[in-house]
């Protein structure tokens, strides 16, 4: 998929969400610059601009080298934090006050970061911490703390997050 296709699809998914559109546009440009030879000439100054604008002014920490699939939807684009080792699949939704990252082990070493599959819907105030794999079509309820893997087509709620049965879901 080309650089412009990512931007067009992100733009369409975040219709009516100007802040989400701007953050993702700036992220896609920064991601493009960080993986090309233009890094030292145009890319480095842009990456500094990206970090100041997105992290300091928008309060969203999406490192420029994070792997994010197409059609990411950002609701409220605020207080979103993730590490650069996080992998996010296609057609995912992230809401405000969400942390996706690794945890520090005894001795100062860090664990691996979470991997989110395709079509993952993350509620607000969610923490996904450690070497966790969230499979496809998972819904994570607001306030959940996810520290274990999640099977496909499941719903996670609570602290620590527990998997709810299909018949419990009210759609």
C-alpha atoms as a PDB file:
ATOM      1  CA  UNK A   1       0.000   0.000   0.000  1.00  0.00           C
ATOM      2  CA  UNK A   2       1.349   3.401  -0.914  1.00  0.00           C
ATOM      3  CA  UNK A   3       1.930   6.332   1.393  1.00  0.00           C
ATOM      4  CA  UNK A   4      -0.940   8.323  -0.135  1.00  0.00           C
ATOM      5  CA  UNK A   5      -3.392   5.418   0.141  1.00  0.00           C
ATOM      6  CA  UNK A   6      -2.725   5.252   3.906  1.00  0.00           C
ATOM      7  CA  UNK A   7      -3.412   8.958   4.231  1.00  0.00           C
ATOM      8  CA  UNK A   8      -6.587   8.853   2.128  1.00  0.00           C
ATOM      9  CA  UNK A   9      -7.988   5.887   4.057  1.00  0.00           C
ATOM     10  CA  UNK A  10      -7.133   7.380   7.474  1.00  0.00           C
ATOM     11  CA  UNK A  11      -8.722  10.643   6.356  1.00  0.00           C
ATOM     12  CA  UNK A  12     -11.934   8.861   5.323  1.00  0.00           C
ATOM     13  CA  UNK A  13     -12.202   6.778   8.511  1.00  0.00           C
ATOM     14  CA  UNK A  14     -11.829   9.863  10.716  1.00  0.00           C
ATOM     15  CA  UNK A  15     -14.539  11.881   8.948  1.00  0.00           C
ATOM     16  CA  UNK A  16     -15.754  14.673  11.216  1.00  0.00           C
ATOM     17  CA  UNK A  17     -12.745  14.228  13.514  1.00  0.00           C
ATOM     18  CA  UNK A  18     -10.354  17.019  12.573  1.00  0.00           C
ATOM     19  CA  UNK A  19      -7.899  16.330  15.398  1.00  0.00           C
ATOM     20  CA  UNK A  20      -7.686  12.628  14.551  1.00  0.00           C
ATOM     21  CA  UNK A  21      -7.144  13.458  10.883  1.00  0.00           C
ATOM     22  CA  UNK A  22      -4.329  15.889  11.653  1.00  0.00           C
ATOM     23  CA  UNK A  23      -2.571  13.543  14.086  1.00  0.00           C
ATOM     24  CA  UNK A  24      -2.689  10.621  11.658  1.00  0.00           C
ATOM     25  CA  UNK A  25      -1.586  12.760   8.712  1.00  0.00           C
ATOM     26  CA  UNK A  26       1.403  14.001  10.700  1.00  0.00           C
ATOM     27  CA  UNK A  27       2.138  10.447  11.879  1.00  0.00           C
ATOM     28  CA  UNK A  28       2.069   8.991   8.347  1.00  0.00           C
ATOM     29  CA  UNK A  29       4.437  11.697   7.100  1.00  0.00           C
ATOM     30  CA  UNK A  30       6.799  11.133  10.055  1.00  0.00           C
ATOM     31  CA  UNK A  31       6.653   7.368   9.548  1.00  0.00           C
ATOM     32  CA  UNK A  32       7.476   7.848   5.860  1.00  0.00           C
ATOM     33  CA  UNK A  33      10.407  10.163   6.662  1.00  0.00           C
ATOM     34  CA  UNK A  34      11.849   7.826   9.303  1.00  0.00           C
ATOM     35  CA  UNK A  35      12.096   4.913   6.871  1.00  0.00           C
ATOM     36  CA  UNK A  36      13.577   6.685   3.836  1.00  0.00           C
ATOM     37  CA  UNK A  37      16.949   8.106   2.808  1.00  0.00           C
ATOM     38  CA  UNK A  38      15.565  11.638   3.126  1.00  0.00           C
ATOM     39  CA  UNK A  39      15.816  11.170   6.884  1.00  0.00           C
ATOM     40  CA  UNK A  40      18.852  13.393   7.454  1.00  0.00           C
ATOM     41  CA  UNK A  41      17.885  16.208   5.113  1.00  0.00           C
ATOM     42  CA  UNK A  42      14.154  16.692   5.420  1.00  0.00           C
ATOM     43  CA  UNK A  43      13.158  13.886   7.739  1.00  0.00           C
ATOM     44  CA  UNK A  44      15.088  14.810  10.884  1.00  0.00           C
ATOM     45  CA  UNK A  45      13.752  18.383  11.102  1.00  0.00           C
ATOM     46  CA  UNK A  46      10.242  17.107  10.369  1.00  0.00           C
ATOM     47  CA  UNK A  47      10.518  14.412  13.060  1.00  0.00           C
ATOM     48  CA  UNK A  48      11.467  17.072  15.595  1.00  0.00           C
ATOM     49  CA  UNK A  49       8.496  19.185  14.448  1.00  0.00           C
ATOM     50  CA  UNK A  50       6.241  16.096  14.698  1.00  0.00           C
ATOM     51  CA  UNK A  51       7.371  15.319  18.215  1.00  0.00           C
ATOM     52  CA  UNK A  52       6.829  18.860  19.446  1.00  0.00           C
ATOM     53  CA  UNK A  53       3.440  19.341  17.787  1.00  0.00           C
ATOM     54  CA  UNK A  54       1.862  15.920  18.337  1.00  0.00           C
ATOM     55  CA  UNK A  55       3.320  15.034  21.731  1.00  0.00           C
ATOM     56  CA  UNK A  56       3.497  18.416  23.410  1.00  0.00           C
ATOM     57  CA  UNK A  57       0.500  20.215  21.928  1.00  0.00           C
ATOM     58  CA  UNK A  58      -1.900  17.360  21.127  1.00  0.00           C
ATOM     59  CA  UNK A  59      -0.783  15.189  24.107  1.00  0.00           C
ATOM     60  CA  UNK A  60      -0.594  12.070  21.951  1.00  0.00           C
ATOM     61  CA  UNK A  61       2.499   9.867  21.986  1.00  0.00           C
ATOM     62  CA  UNK A  62       2.584   7.816  18.814  1.00  0.00           C
ATOM     63  CA  UNK A  63       6.271   7.283  17.994  1.00  0.00           C
ATOM     64  CA  UNK A  64       7.006   7.823  14.311  1.00  0.00           C
ATOM     65  CA  UNK A  65       8.415   4.309  13.855  1.00  0.00           C
ATOM     66  CA  UNK A  66       5.361   2.488  15.237  1.00  0.00           C
ATOM     67  CA  UNK A  67       3.811  -0.044  12.849  1.00  0.00           C
ATOM     68  CA  UNK A  68       0.172   0.886  12.288  1.00  0.00           C
ATOM     69  CA  UNK A  69      -2.094  -0.634   9.631  1.00  0.00           C
ATOM     70  CA  UNK A  70      -4.537   1.244   7.440  1.00  0.00           C
ATOM     71  CA  UNK A  71      -7.817   2.787   8.587  1.00  0.00           C
ATOM     72  CA  UNK A  72      -6.839   3.648  12.158  1.00  0.00           C
ATOM     73  CA  UNK A  73      -9.606   5.604  13.833  1.00  0.00           C
ATOM     74  CA  UNK A  74      -8.683   7.970  16.683  1.00  0.00           C
ATOM     75  CA  UNK A  75     -11.524   9.262  18.817  1.00  0.00           C
ATOM     76  CA  UNK A  76     -10.824  12.405  20.840  1.00  0.00           C
ATOM     77  CA  UNK A  77      -7.057  12.181  20.116  1.00  0.00           C
ATOM     78  CA  UNK A  78      -5.975  12.960  23.653  1.00  0.00           C
ATOM     79  CA  UNK A  79      -3.766  11.263  26.257  1.00  0.00           C
ATOM     80  CA  UNK A  80      -2.935   8.352  23.952  1.00  0.00           C
ATOM     81  CA  UNK A  81       0.428   6.775  24.780  1.00  0.00           C
ATOM     82  CA  UNK A  82       2.223   3.876  23.095  1.00  0.00           C
ATOM     83  CA  UNK A  83       5.761   2.601  22.648  1.00  0.00           C
ATOM     84  CA  UNK A  84       7.482   2.294  19.304  1.00  0.00           C
ATOM     85  CA  UNK A  85       7.424  -1.525  19.493  1.00  0.00           C
ATOM     86  CA  UNK A  86       3.617  -1.672  19.443  1.00  0.00           C
ATOM     87  CA  UNK A  87       2.076  -3.199  16.324  1.00  0.00           C
ATOM     88  CA  UNK A  88      -1.482  -2.214  15.408  1.00  0.00           C
ATOM     89  CA  UNK A  89      -3.381  -4.012  12.659  1.00  0.00           C
ATOM     90  CA  UNK A  90      -5.868  -2.669  10.137  1.00  0.00           C
ATOM     91  CA  UNK A  91      -9.261  -1.078  10.852  1.00  0.00           C
ATOM     92  CA  UNK A  92      -8.614  -0.495  14.568  1.00  0.00           C
ATOM     93  CA  UNK A  93     -10.185   2.122  16.821  1.00  0.00           C
ATOM     94  CA  UNK A  94      -8.399   3.840  19.709  1.00  0.00           C
ATOM     95  CA  UNK A  95     -10.081   6.173  22.178  1.00  0.00           C
ATOM     96  CA  UNK A  96      -8.695   8.757  24.581  1.00  0.00           C
ATOM     97  CA  UNK A  97      -6.640   8.072  27.707  1.00  0.00           C
ATOM     98  CA  UNK A  98      -5.295   4.776  26.382  1.00  0.00           C
ATOM     99  CA  UNK A  99      -1.869   3.323  27.151  1.00  0.00           C
ATOM    100  CA  UNK A 100      -0.371   0.570  25.001  1.00  0.00           C
ATOM    101  CA  UNK A 101       3.115  -0.369  26.062  1.00  0.00           C
ATOM    102  CA  UNK A 102       5.595  -2.624  27.756  1.00  0.00           C
ATOM    103  CA  UNK A 103       6.286  -3.104  31.440  1.00  0.00           C
ATOM    104  CA  UNK A 104       9.537  -2.939  33.325  1.00  0.00           C
ATOM    105  CA  UNK A 105      10.812  -6.136  34.897  1.00  0.00           C
ATOM    106  CA  UNK A 106      13.070  -6.448  37.917  1.00  0.00           C
ATOM    107  CA  UNK A 107      16.539  -5.282  36.950  1.00  0.00           C
ATOM    108  CA  UNK A 108      15.360  -2.556  34.599  1.00  0.00           C
ATOM    109  CA  UNK A 109      14.681  -4.692  31.529  1.00  0.00           C
ATOM    110  CA  UNK A 110      11.471  -4.172  29.576  1.00  0.00           C
ATOM    111  CA  UNK A 111       9.079  -6.798  28.231  1.00  0.00           C
ATOM    112  CA  UNK A 112       7.887  -6.954  24.647  1.00  0.00           C
ATOM    113  CA  UNK A 113       5.072  -4.604  23.621  1.00  0.00           C
ATOM    114  CA  UNK A 114       1.497  -5.521  22.687  1.00  0.00           C
ATOM    115  CA  UNK A 115       0.373  -6.614  19.229  1.00  0.00           C
ATOM    116  CA  UNK A 116      -3.161  -5.676  18.216  1.00  0.00           C
ATOM    117  CA  UNK A 117      -4.775  -7.609  15.382  1.00  0.00           C
ATOM    118  CA  UNK A 118      -7.229  -6.299  12.809  1.00  0.00           C
ATOM    119  CA  UNK A 119     -10.582  -4.738  13.734  1.00  0.00           C
ATOM    120  CA  UNK A 120      -9.699  -4.208  17.407  1.00  0.00           C
ATOM    121  CA  UNK A 121     -11.927  -1.661  19.174  1.00  0.00           C
ATOM    122  CA  UNK A 122     -10.278  -0.132  22.252  1.00  0.00           C
ATOM    123  CA  UNK A 123     -12.413   1.851  24.715  1.00  0.00           C
ATOM    124  CA  UNK A 124     -11.319   4.878  26.705  1.00  0.00           C
ATOM    125  CA  UNK A 125      -9.017   4.644  29.745  1.00  0.00           C
ATOM    126  CA  UNK A 126      -7.648   1.253  28.675  1.00  0.00           C
ATOM    127  CA  UNK A 127      -4.180  -0.055  29.568  1.00  0.00           C
ATOM    128  CA  UNK A 128      -2.706  -2.825  27.419  1.00  0.00           C
ATOM    129  CA  UNK A 129       0.602  -3.696  29.014  1.00  0.00           C
ATOM    130  CA  UNK A 130       3.325  -6.253  28.328  1.00  0.00           C
ATOM    131  CA  UNK A 131       3.869  -9.007  25.766  1.00  0.00           C
ATOM    132  CA  UNK A 132       0.173  -9.291  24.949  1.00  0.00           C
ATOM    133  CA  UNK A 133      -1.365 -10.410  21.658  1.00  0.00           C
ATOM    134  CA  UNK A 134      -4.886  -9.191  20.948  1.00  0.00           C
ATOM    135  CA  UNK A 135      -6.338 -11.229  18.090  1.00  0.00           C
ATOM    136  CA  UNK A 136      -8.743  -9.968  15.399  1.00  0.00           C
ATOM    137  CA  UNK A 137     -12.236  -8.567  16.087  1.00  0.00           C
ATOM    138  CA  UNK A 138     -11.719  -7.960  19.809  1.00  0.00           C
ATOM    139  CA  UNK A 139     -13.607  -5.298  21.764  1.00  0.00           C
ATOM    140  CA  UNK A 140     -11.961  -3.891  24.878  1.00  0.00           C
ATOM    141  CA  UNK A 141     -14.293  -2.093  27.267  1.00  0.00           C
ATOM    142  CA  UNK A 142     -13.542   1.241  28.891  1.00  0.00           C
ATOM    143  CA  UNK A 143     -11.269   1.060  31.913  1.00  0.00           C
ATOM    144  CA  UNK A 144      -9.964  -2.427  31.170  1.00  0.00           C
ATOM    145  CA  UNK A 145      -6.419  -3.400  32.095  1.00  0.00           C
ATOM    146  CA  UNK A 146      -5.246  -6.037  29.626  1.00  0.00           C
ATOM    147  CA  UNK A 147      -2.240  -8.128  30.699  1.00  0.00           C
ATOM    148  CA  UNK A 148      -3.110 -11.436  29.011  1.00  0.00           C
ATOM    149  CA  UNK A 149      -3.664 -12.535  25.415  1.00  0.00           C
ATOM    150  CA  UNK A 150      -7.161 -12.252  23.946  1.00  0.00           C
ATOM    151  CA  UNK A 151      -8.765 -14.686  21.510  1.00  0.00           C
ATOM    152  CA  UNK A 152     -10.434 -13.523  18.316  1.00  0.00           C
ATOM    153  CA  UNK A 153     -14.046 -12.304  18.500  1.00  0.00           C
ATOM    154  CA  UNK A 154     -13.934 -11.740  22.266  1.00  0.00           C
ATOM    155  CA  UNK A 155     -14.830  -8.853  24.540  1.00  0.00           C
ATOM    156  CA  UNK A 156     -12.559  -7.847  27.414  1.00  0.00           C
ATOM    157  CA  UNK A 157     -13.767  -5.918  30.454  1.00  0.00           C
ATOM    158  CA  UNK A 158     -12.548  -5.078  33.950  1.00  0.00           C
ATOM    159  CA  UNK A 159      -9.313  -4.855  35.881  1.00  0.00           C
ATOM    160  CA  UNK A 160      -7.628  -7.197  35.203  1.00  0.00           C
ATOM    161  CA  UNK A 161      -9.498  -7.706  31.965  1.00  0.00           C
ATOM    162  CA  UNK A 162     -11.488 -10.897  31.711  1.00  0.00           C
ATOM    163  CA  UNK A 163     -13.023 -12.368  28.613  1.00  0.00           C
ATOM    164  CA  UNK A 164     -16.820 -12.198  28.489  1.00  0.00           C
ATOM    165  CA  UNK A 165     -18.978 -14.811  26.821  1.00  0.00           C
ATOM    166  CA  UNK A 166     -20.602 -14.058  23.469  1.00  0.00           C
ATOM    167  CA  UNK A 167     -24.137 -14.199  24.918  1.00  0.00           C
ATOM    168  CA  UNK A 168     -23.220 -11.407  27.360  1.00  0.00           C
ATOM    169  CA  UNK A 169     -22.590  -8.849  24.616  1.00  0.00           C
ATOM    170  CA  UNK A 170     -25.424  -6.408  24.001  1.00  0.00           C
ATOM    171  CA  UNK A 171     -25.163  -5.300  20.377  1.00  0.00           C
END
